[in-house]
Amino acid sequence: MAYPLGVLGIIFSIIIIKTVFKVNPSVELEQAEQEREDNAEGTVKVSVLVQNPALFGKPIEEIKKLVGRGFVISRVSNSNGEVRIAGAATILEDGCELLVITSQKEREQVVAFFGKEIEKSDKQWEINDLNVVPTRVIVTKDDVHGKSLADLKLGRAFGITVTRINRAGVDLVARPHLKLQIGDRLTMVGTNESIKAASELLGNSTHRLFEPNLAAIFIGIALGILVGSIPFFLPGIPQPVKLGLAGGPLVVAILMSRFAPKFRLVTYTTVSANLMLREVGISLFLACVGLDAGGGFVDTIVNKGGAMWIVYGVIITVVPLLLTGFFARWFLKINFFTLMGLIAGSTTDPPALAFAGASAGNDLPAVSYATVYPLTMFLRVLFAQLLILLF
């Protein structure tokens, strides 16, 4: 009874917060992009001048073992200004310049290790050799899934340098022990011949990405149902608590996304397929809610006090959301797009997420929704049972 207006209450809460704080979507988007660039885990390109005497005459492969930082040397410019690809055997000299890719968090430490930061544009780092090109290659071969860059030894085998790895829209530093997954996009620099050979090893077939990995989906659902049916006994509670059909698959999905590469289980799903499953799921969910409540909906409202249930549902939904939204926006200065996803995720409400995503026109609400959704769903499943058992 309370669900329909509860959903509308969530959406109205978002609209009220937007109106009260006079949110400008274009400004919010610019701020979000700036925050993404300043993200400590994001990658940055830095030009440095080598001044550390301990590095003179040493190859890059040996230098990486001297410092516990994540970085990739993409290109080297010697004293005569010649720019070339940096390989594992490249020797560093006094006064040579490097183009280094590292994380924002480790930028200062990496620069201090080599010498000092210098100003050098991307144009100045271009290699005159027309046969040397930066290229993005997609990982699509199953036998590469779960292997690290150190296992593949792409630099030694093909003479290329992997500078960045893009996973789900996020750029990662190409650390040696980072395990590759199907769908990863590797930015590499090398000759046409070497990149072609590396592409054959990695797959680089967009057609492979369009093939659905149904095994992972059904394995996850089966294991989720199994985990959801396991009873947990808590001290002081006479009856066992279960995760149920909602919490079980959720916990298993999180574990699979984290550990599937170790077992060579491919969980990659294209964005279009992901959205289709999500929209179909939302439609089926809302249809089931309507079919279940529709038969006695009018009678319950008129004769059984259903109108008050609806009012209680709206109050329980709207008041906490407005308080949380005002606090997050006023004191924490959270981006509005992120706040929309946070509100939808804290209520585990797919229709609210659909509204937030359509209003924002970007993936920021979905990211924050996915961040808070697991814990919220887990706690709601447990506390709903605890309230029944305790009261």
Protein backbone atom coordinates (compact mmCIF):
# COMPACT_ATOMS: atom_id res chain seq x y z
CA MET A 1 0.00 0.00 0.00
CA ALA A 2 2.71 2.46 0.98
CA TYR A 3 5.08 1.60 -1.87
CA PRO A 4 3.70 3.74 -4.74
CA LEU A 5 3.68 7.03 -2.82
CA GLY A 6 6.88 5.96 -1.08
CA VAL A 7 8.58 5.91 -4.48
CA LEU A 8 7.08 9.28 -5.35
CA GLY A 9 8.24 10.57 -1.97
CA ILE A 10 11.84 9.68 -2.83
CA ILE A 11 11.60 11.44 -6.18
CA PHE A 12 9.92 14.50 -4.63
CA SER A 13 12.68 14.63 -2.00
CA ILE A 14 15.27 14.85 -4.77
CA ILE A 15 13.28 17.59 -6.50
CA ILE A 16 12.85 19.55 -3.24
CA ILE A 17 16.59 19.41 -2.50
CA LYS A 18 17.36 20.56 -6.05
CA THR A 19 14.92 23.47 -5.72
CA VAL A 20 15.99 24.60 -2.25
CA PHE A 21 19.70 24.63 -3.10
CA LYS A 22 19.11 26.05 -6.62
CA VAL A 23 21.22 23.34 -8.24
CA ASN A 24 22.73 24.14 -11.65
CA PRO A 25 23.32 20.81 -13.47
CA SER A 26 26.11 22.17 -15.70
CA VAL A 27 28.01 23.51 -12.68
CA GLU A 28 27.56 20.22 -10.82
CA LEU A 29 28.91 18.32 -13.83
CA GLU A 30 31.99 20.55 -14.04
CA GLN A 31 32.66 20.06 -10.33
CA ALA A 32 32.27 16.30 -10.70
CA GLU A 33 34.75 16.23 -13.57
CA GLN A 34 37.22 18.27 -11.52
CA GLU A 35 36.82 15.91 -8.55
CA ARG A 36 37.45 12.96 -10.85
CA GLU A 37 40.64 14.57 -12.14
CA ASP A 38 41.79 15.28 -8.58
CA ASN A 39 40.98 11.76 -7.44
CA ALA A 40 43.98 10.34 -5.56
CA GLU A 41 43.56 6.98 -7.30
CA GLY A 42 43.31 8.52 -10.77
CA THR A 43 46.25 8.53 -13.16
CA VAL A 44 48.28 11.60 -14.07
CA LYS A 45 51.05 12.26 -16.58
CA VAL A 46 54.12 13.99 -15.17
CA SER A 47 57.26 15.22 -16.94
CA VAL A 48 60.35 14.86 -14.71
CA LEU A 49 64.05 15.64 -14.98
CA VAL A 50 66.33 12.88 -13.69
CA GLN A 51 68.70 14.29 -11.05
CA ASN A 52 69.08 11.38 -8.64
CA PRO A 53 72.70 10.09 -8.91
CA ALA A 54 71.62 6.67 -7.65
CA LEU A 55 69.68 6.15 -10.89
CA PHE A 56 72.41 7.05 -13.38
CA GLY A 57 73.41 4.12 -15.56
CA LYS A 58 70.64 1.83 -14.29
CA PRO A 59 67.92 0.23 -16.45
CA ILE A 60 64.26 1.03 -15.77
CA GLU A 61 63.57 -2.58 -14.79
CA GLU A 62 66.07 -2.33 -11.93
CA ILE A 63 64.91 1.15 -10.89
CA LYS A 64 61.33 -0.03 -10.34
CA LYS A 65 62.62 -2.43 -7.70
CA LEU A 66 64.21 0.42 -5.73
CA VAL A 67 60.98 2.24 -4.88
CA GLY A 68 57.71 0.87 -3.61
CA ARG A 69 55.57 3.15 -5.74
CA GLY A 70 53.31 2.51 -8.69
CA PHE A 71 54.47 4.24 -11.86
CA VAL A 72 55.12 3.61 -15.54
CA ILE A 73 57.79 5.38 -17.59
CA SER A 74 56.23 5.91 -21.00
CA ARG A 75 58.92 7.88 -22.86
CA VAL A 76 62.48 9.09 -22.43
CA SER A 77 64.13 12.19 -23.88
CA ASN A 78 67.94 12.28 -23.83
CA SER A 79 70.22 15.33 -23.81
CA ASN A 80 69.94 15.87 -27.59
CA GLY A 81 66.13 16.04 -27.38
CA GLU A 82 65.40 12.69 -29.05
CA VAL A 83 62.19 11.13 -27.71
CA ARG A 84 61.91 7.35 -27.66
CA ILE A 85 59.82 4.64 -26.04
CA ALA A 86 60.94 3.60 -22.56
CA GLY A 87 61.53 -0.12 -22.26
CA ALA A 88 62.61 -2.38 -19.40
CA ALA A 89 66.24 -2.22 -20.57
CA THR A 90 66.33 1.56 -21.16
CA ILE A 91 69.26 3.14 -19.27
CA LEU A 92 68.68 6.43 -17.45
CA GLU A 93 71.33 9.14 -17.69
CA ASP A 94 72.04 12.38 -15.87
CA GLY A 95 69.74 15.09 -17.20
CA CYS A 96 67.42 12.87 -19.23
CA GLU A 97 63.71 13.67 -19.14
CA LEU A 98 60.92 11.18 -18.49
CA LEU A 99 57.19 11.05 -19.14
CA VAL A 100 55.84 9.21 -16.09
CA ILE A 101 52.31 7.91 -15.51
CA THR A 102 51.44 7.49 -11.85
CA SER A 103 48.56 8.02 -9.43
CA GLN A 104 47.68 11.44 -8.06
CA LYS A 105 48.31 10.09 -4.56
CA GLU A 106 51.89 9.07 -5.32
CA ARG A 107 52.79 11.91 -7.65
CA GLU A 108 54.97 13.91 -5.24
CA GLN A 109 56.91 10.86 -4.02
CA VAL A 110 57.62 9.64 -7.56
CA VAL A 111 58.78 13.08 -8.71
CA ALA A 112 61.07 13.44 -5.66
CA PHE A 113 62.54 9.99 -6.35
CA PHE A 114 63.65 10.93 -9.88
CA GLY A 115 64.53 14.59 -9.44
CA LYS A 116 62.15 17.46 -10.18
CA GLU A 117 59.04 18.14 -12.21
CA ILE A 118 59.37 20.10 -15.44
CA GLU A 119 56.94 21.69 -17.87
CA LYS A 120 56.65 19.77 -21.12
CA SER A 121 53.58 19.57 -23.35
CA ASP A 122 52.14 16.45 -24.99
CA LYS A 123 53.29 17.88 -28.33
CA GLN A 124 56.90 17.84 -27.14
CA TRP A 125 56.58 14.19 -26.11
CA GLU A 126 55.46 13.09 -29.57
CA ILE A 127 57.78 10.58 -31.22
CA ASN A 128 58.92 11.53 -34.71
CA ASP A 129 59.04 7.90 -35.83
CA LEU A 130 55.75 7.41 -37.69
CA ASN A 131 55.94 3.67 -36.98
CA VAL A 132 55.56 4.30 -33.23
CA VAL A 133 51.97 4.89 -32.14
CA PRO A 134 49.97 4.94 -28.89
CA THR A 135 47.08 2.47 -29.19
CA ARG A 136 44.28 1.09 -27.05
CA VAL A 137 43.91 -2.67 -27.03
CA ILE A 138 40.98 -4.53 -25.46
CA VAL A 139 41.46 -7.72 -23.42
CA THR A 140 39.03 -10.28 -24.87
CA LYS A 141 40.81 -13.64 -24.61
CA ASP A 142 39.73 -15.95 -21.80
CA ASP A 143 43.24 -17.31 -21.21
CA VAL A 144 44.47 -13.77 -20.42
CA HIS A 145 41.65 -13.12 -17.94
CA GLY A 146 43.04 -13.17 -14.40
CA LYS A 147 46.69 -12.88 -15.42
CA SER A 148 48.85 -9.95 -14.32
CA LEU A 149 51.05 -7.74 -16.49
CA ALA A 150 54.06 -9.36 -14.83
CA ASP A 151 52.81 -12.79 -15.95
CA LEU A 152 52.38 -11.67 -19.57
CA LYS A 153 55.74 -9.82 -19.81
CA LEU A 154 54.46 -7.67 -22.67
CA GLY A 155 57.47 -5.34 -22.53
CA ARG A 156 60.04 -8.11 -22.88
CA ALA A 157 58.06 -10.15 -25.40
CA PHE A 158 56.96 -7.38 -27.76
CA GLY A 159 58.99 -4.28 -26.83
CA ILE A 160 55.95 -2.22 -25.90
CA THR A 161 55.07 -0.12 -22.85
CA VAL A 162 51.65 -0.36 -21.18
CA THR A 163 50.98 3.08 -19.69
CA ARG A 164 47.39 2.88 -18.45
CA ILE A 165 44.55 0.43 -18.00
CA ASN A 166 40.96 1.61 -18.30
CA ARG A 167 38.44 -0.52 -16.41
CA ALA A 168 34.77 0.43 -16.33
CA GLY A 169 35.65 4.00 -17.29
CA VAL A 170 38.35 4.43 -14.62
CA ASP A 171 42.03 4.82 -15.56
CA LEU A 172 44.40 2.68 -13.47
CA VAL A 173 48.19 2.79 -13.26
CA ALA A 174 49.63 -0.23 -15.10
CA ARG A 175 51.18 -1.89 -12.05
CA PRO A 176 53.03 -5.18 -12.71
CA HIS A 177 50.79 -7.24 -10.40
CA LEU A 178 47.47 -5.76 -11.55
CA LYS A 179 45.36 -8.66 -12.82
CA LEU A 180 43.68 -8.12 -16.18
CA GLN A 181 40.01 -8.76 -16.79
CA ILE A 182 37.91 -9.22 -19.90
CA GLY A 183 36.93 -5.76 -21.14
CA ASP A 184 40.02 -3.95 -19.84
CA ARG A 185 41.41 -1.37 -22.28
CA LEU A 186 45.20 -1.15 -22.27
CA THR A 187 46.90 2.01 -23.54
CA MET A 188 50.24 0.90 -24.97
CA VAL A 189 53.04 2.54 -26.92
CA GLY A 190 55.13 0.69 -29.48
CA THR A 191 55.67 0.00 -33.15
CA ASN A 192 52.82 -1.08 -35.36
CA GLU A 193 54.27 -4.58 -35.61
CA SER A 194 54.76 -5.01 -31.85
CA ILE A 195 51.29 -3.69 -31.01
CA LYS A 196 49.75 -5.99 -33.60
CA ALA A 197 51.50 -8.98 -32.02
CA ALA A 198 50.42 -7.92 -28.52
CA SER A 199 46.86 -7.43 -29.76
CA GLU A 200 46.76 -11.02 -30.98
CA LEU A 201 47.81 -12.20 -27.52
CA LEU A 202 45.22 -10.06 -25.70
CA GLY A 203 42.41 -10.60 -28.20
CA ASN A 204 41.33 -7.06 -29.11
CA SER A 205 38.06 -8.35 -30.56
CA THR A 206 35.01 -6.20 -29.86
CA HIS A 207 32.82 -9.04 -31.16
CA ARG A 208 33.88 -11.15 -28.16
CA LEU A 209 32.55 -8.50 -25.77
CA PHE A 210 29.09 -8.80 -27.28
CA GLU A 211 28.84 -12.48 -26.30
CA PRO A 212 26.84 -12.78 -23.05
CA ASN A 213 28.51 -14.58 -20.14
CA LEU A 214 25.38 -16.38 -18.98
CA ALA A 215 27.28 -18.94 -16.90
CA ALA A 216 28.46 -16.33 -14.41
CA ILE A 217 24.94 -14.87 -14.09
CA PHE A 218 23.25 -18.19 -13.37
CA ILE A 219 26.05 -19.41 -11.10
CA GLY A 220 25.71 -16.18 -9.14
CA ILE A 221 21.93 -16.53 -8.86
CA ALA A 222 22.18 -20.18 -7.74
CA LEU A 223 24.87 -19.47 -5.15
CA GLY A 224 22.96 -16.37 -4.02
CA ILE A 225 19.80 -18.38 -3.35
CA LEU A 226 21.88 -20.95 -1.45
CA VAL A 227 23.62 -18.32 0.68
CA GLY A 228 20.34 -16.48 1.25
CA SER A 229 18.73 -19.61 2.70
CA ILE A 230 21.48 -20.24 5.27
CA PRO A 231 20.23 -19.41 8.81
CA PHE A 232 22.40 -17.29 11.10
CA PHE A 233 21.93 -17.53 14.85
CA LEU A 234 22.52 -14.29 16.76
CA PRO A 235 22.91 -14.09 20.54
CA GLY A 236 19.66 -13.23 22.30
CA ILE A 237 17.51 -13.89 19.20
CA PRO A 238 15.28 -16.99 19.47
CA GLN A 239 14.88 -17.45 15.71
CA PRO A 240 17.60 -17.60 13.02
CA VAL A 241 18.12 -14.70 10.62
CA LYS A 242 18.52 -15.21 6.85
CA LEU A 243 19.80 -12.96 4.07
CA GLY A 244 16.92 -14.08 1.87
CA LEU A 245 16.52 -13.86 -1.90
CA ALA A 246 17.56 -10.20 -1.87
CA GLY A 247 20.62 -10.26 0.38
CA GLY A 248 22.04 -13.62 -0.74
CA PRO A 249 22.50 -12.85 -4.45
CA LEU A 250 23.79 -9.38 -3.53
CA VAL A 251 26.55 -10.73 -1.28
CA VAL A 252 27.51 -13.39 -3.84
CA ALA A 253 27.60 -10.79 -6.65
CA ILE A 254 30.01 -8.62 -4.65
CA LEU A 255 32.26 -11.59 -3.91
CA MET A 256 32.19 -12.76 -7.53
CA SER A 257 33.13 -9.34 -8.87
CA ARG A 258 36.09 -9.29 -6.49
CA PHE A 259 37.41 -12.86 -6.74
CA ALA A 260 36.12 -14.18 -10.10
CA PRO A 261 39.38 -13.37 -11.98
CA LYS A 262 41.31 -15.69 -9.66
CA PHE A 263 39.10 -18.56 -10.80
CA ARG A 264 39.09 -17.42 -14.46
CA LEU A 265 35.34 -16.78 -14.26
CA VAL A 266 34.33 -14.05 -16.70
CA THR A 267 31.76 -11.66 -15.24
CA TYR A 268 32.02 -8.94 -17.90
CA THR A 269 28.70 -7.68 -19.26
CA THR A 270 28.28 -5.01 -21.89
CA VAL A 271 26.68 -1.75 -20.82
CA SER A 272 23.67 -2.35 -23.06
CA ALA A 273 23.08 -5.86 -21.69
CA ASN A 274 23.53 -4.60 -18.14
CA LEU A 275 21.00 -1.84 -18.68
CA MET A 276 18.57 -4.25 -20.33
CA LEU A 277 18.71 -6.69 -17.40
CA ARG A 278 18.35 -3.80 -14.97
CA GLU A 279 15.32 -2.31 -16.75
CA VAL A 280 13.65 -5.70 -17.19
CA GLY A 281 14.23 -6.42 -13.51
CA ILE A 282 12.72 -3.09 -12.47
CA SER A 283 9.71 -3.65 -14.74
CA LEU A 284 9.07 -7.16 -13.40
CA PHE A 285 9.50 -5.96 -9.82
CA LEU A 286 7.00 -3.12 -10.22
CA ALA A 287 4.58 -5.39 -12.09
CA CYS A 288 4.66 -7.94 -9.25
CA VAL A 289 4.10 -5.20 -6.66
CA GLY A 290 1.11 -3.91 -8.62
CA LEU A 291 -0.42 -7.37 -9.20
CA ASP A 292 -0.02 -8.26 -5.55
CA ALA A 293 -1.55 -5.06 -4.18
CA GLY A 294 -4.00 -4.14 -6.93
CA GLY A 295 -6.81 -6.54 -6.06
CA GLY A 296 -7.62 -5.08 -2.67
CA PHE A 297 -6.11 -1.65 -3.14
CA VAL A 298 -9.33 0.41 -3.17
CA ASP A 299 -11.02 -1.64 -0.44
CA THR A 300 -7.99 -1.32 1.84
CA ILE A 301 -7.88 2.46 1.42
CA VAL A 302 -11.62 2.97 1.96
CA ASN A 303 -12.47 0.44 4.65
CA LYS A 304 -9.27 -0.74 6.36
CA GLY A 305 -7.34 2.42 7.13
CA GLY A 306 -5.06 2.10 4.14
CA ALA A 307 -4.98 5.86 3.66
CA MET A 308 -3.14 6.29 6.95
CA TRP A 309 -0.64 3.60 5.95
CA ILE A 310 0.13 5.63 2.86
CA VAL A 311 0.58 8.80 4.94
CA TYR A 312 2.86 6.97 7.39
CA GLY A 313 4.87 5.57 4.48
CA VAL A 314 5.37 9.02 2.95
CA ILE A 315 6.44 10.51 6.30
CA ILE A 316 8.84 7.65 7.05
CA THR A 317 10.32 8.03 3.57
CA VAL A 318 10.48 11.78 3.04
CA VAL A 319 11.52 13.16 6.44
CA PRO A 320 14.75 11.12 6.85
CA LEU A 321 15.68 11.70 3.21
CA LEU A 322 15.24 15.47 3.45
CA LEU A 323 17.24 15.64 6.68
CA THR A 324 20.00 13.51 5.18
CA GLY A 325 19.95 15.40 1.89
CA PHE A 326 20.11 18.83 3.52
CA PHE A 327 22.96 17.73 5.80
CA ALA A 328 24.91 16.13 2.93
CA ARG A 329 24.45 19.14 0.68
CA TRP A 330 24.85 21.94 3.24
CA PHE A 331 27.63 20.61 5.46
CA LEU A 332 29.38 17.91 3.40
CA LYS A 333 29.06 19.74 0.04
CA ILE A 334 28.29 16.50 -1.78
CA ASN A 335 27.77 16.79 -5.54
CA PHE A 336 24.05 16.76 -6.39
CA PHE A 337 24.36 13.95 -8.94
CA THR A 338 26.15 11.83 -6.35
CA LEU A 339 23.54 12.80 -3.76
CA MET A 340 20.71 11.61 -6.02
CA GLY A 341 22.28 8.17 -6.27
CA LEU A 342 22.96 8.13 -2.53
CA ILE A 343 19.30 8.87 -1.78
CA ALA A 344 18.09 6.19 -4.20
CA GLY A 345 20.61 3.66 -2.89
CA SER A 346 19.85 4.35 0.77
CA THR A 347 16.23 3.41 0.05
CA THR A 348 17.22 0.54 -2.31
CA ASP A 349 14.75 1.96 -4.79
CA PRO A 350 15.33 1.10 -8.50
CA PRO A 351 12.66 3.52 -9.84
CA ALA A 352 14.35 6.39 -7.99
CA LEU A 353 17.67 5.36 -9.56
CA ALA A 354 16.05 5.36 -12.99
CA PHE A 355 14.73 8.88 -12.34
CA ALA A 356 18.13 10.05 -11.05
CA GLY A 357 19.99 8.58 -14.03
CA ALA A 358 17.58 10.12 -16.54
CA SER A 359 17.77 13.51 -14.80
CA ALA A 360 21.57 13.55 -14.51
CA GLY A 361 22.42 12.20 -17.95
CA ASN A 362 25.61 10.61 -16.59
CA ASP A 363 26.71 7.64 -14.47
CA LEU A 364 27.39 9.52 -11.21
CA PRO A 365 24.05 8.56 -9.58
CA ALA A 366 24.60 4.91 -10.53
CA VAL A 367 28.09 4.91 -8.99
CA SER A 368 26.96 6.29 -5.63
CA TYR A 369 23.86 4.05 -5.74
CA ALA A 370 26.04 0.97 -6.18
CA THR A 371 28.31 2.14 -3.36
CA VAL A 372 25.65 2.42 -0.65
CA TYR A 373 23.17 -0.17 -1.97
CA PRO A 374 24.92 -3.36 -0.74
CA LEU A 375 25.24 -2.26 2.89
CA THR A 376 21.74 -0.76 2.92
CA MET A 377 20.14 -3.89 1.49
CA PHE A 378 22.11 -6.12 3.85
CA LEU A 379 21.04 -4.09 6.90
CA ARG A 380 17.41 -3.84 5.80
CA VAL A 381 17.14 -7.59 5.34
CA LEU A 382 18.63 -8.25 8.77
CA PHE A 383 16.89 -5.48 10.72
CA ALA A 384 13.47 -6.23 9.24
CA GLN A 385 13.74 -9.73 10.66
CA LEU A 386 15.20 -8.48 13.94
CA LEU A 387 12.31 -6.06 14.45
CA ILE A 388 9.81 -8.87 13.95
CA LEU A 389 11.67 -11.21 16.30
CA LEU A 390 12.28 -8.60 19.01
CA PHE A 391 8.89 -6.88 19.00
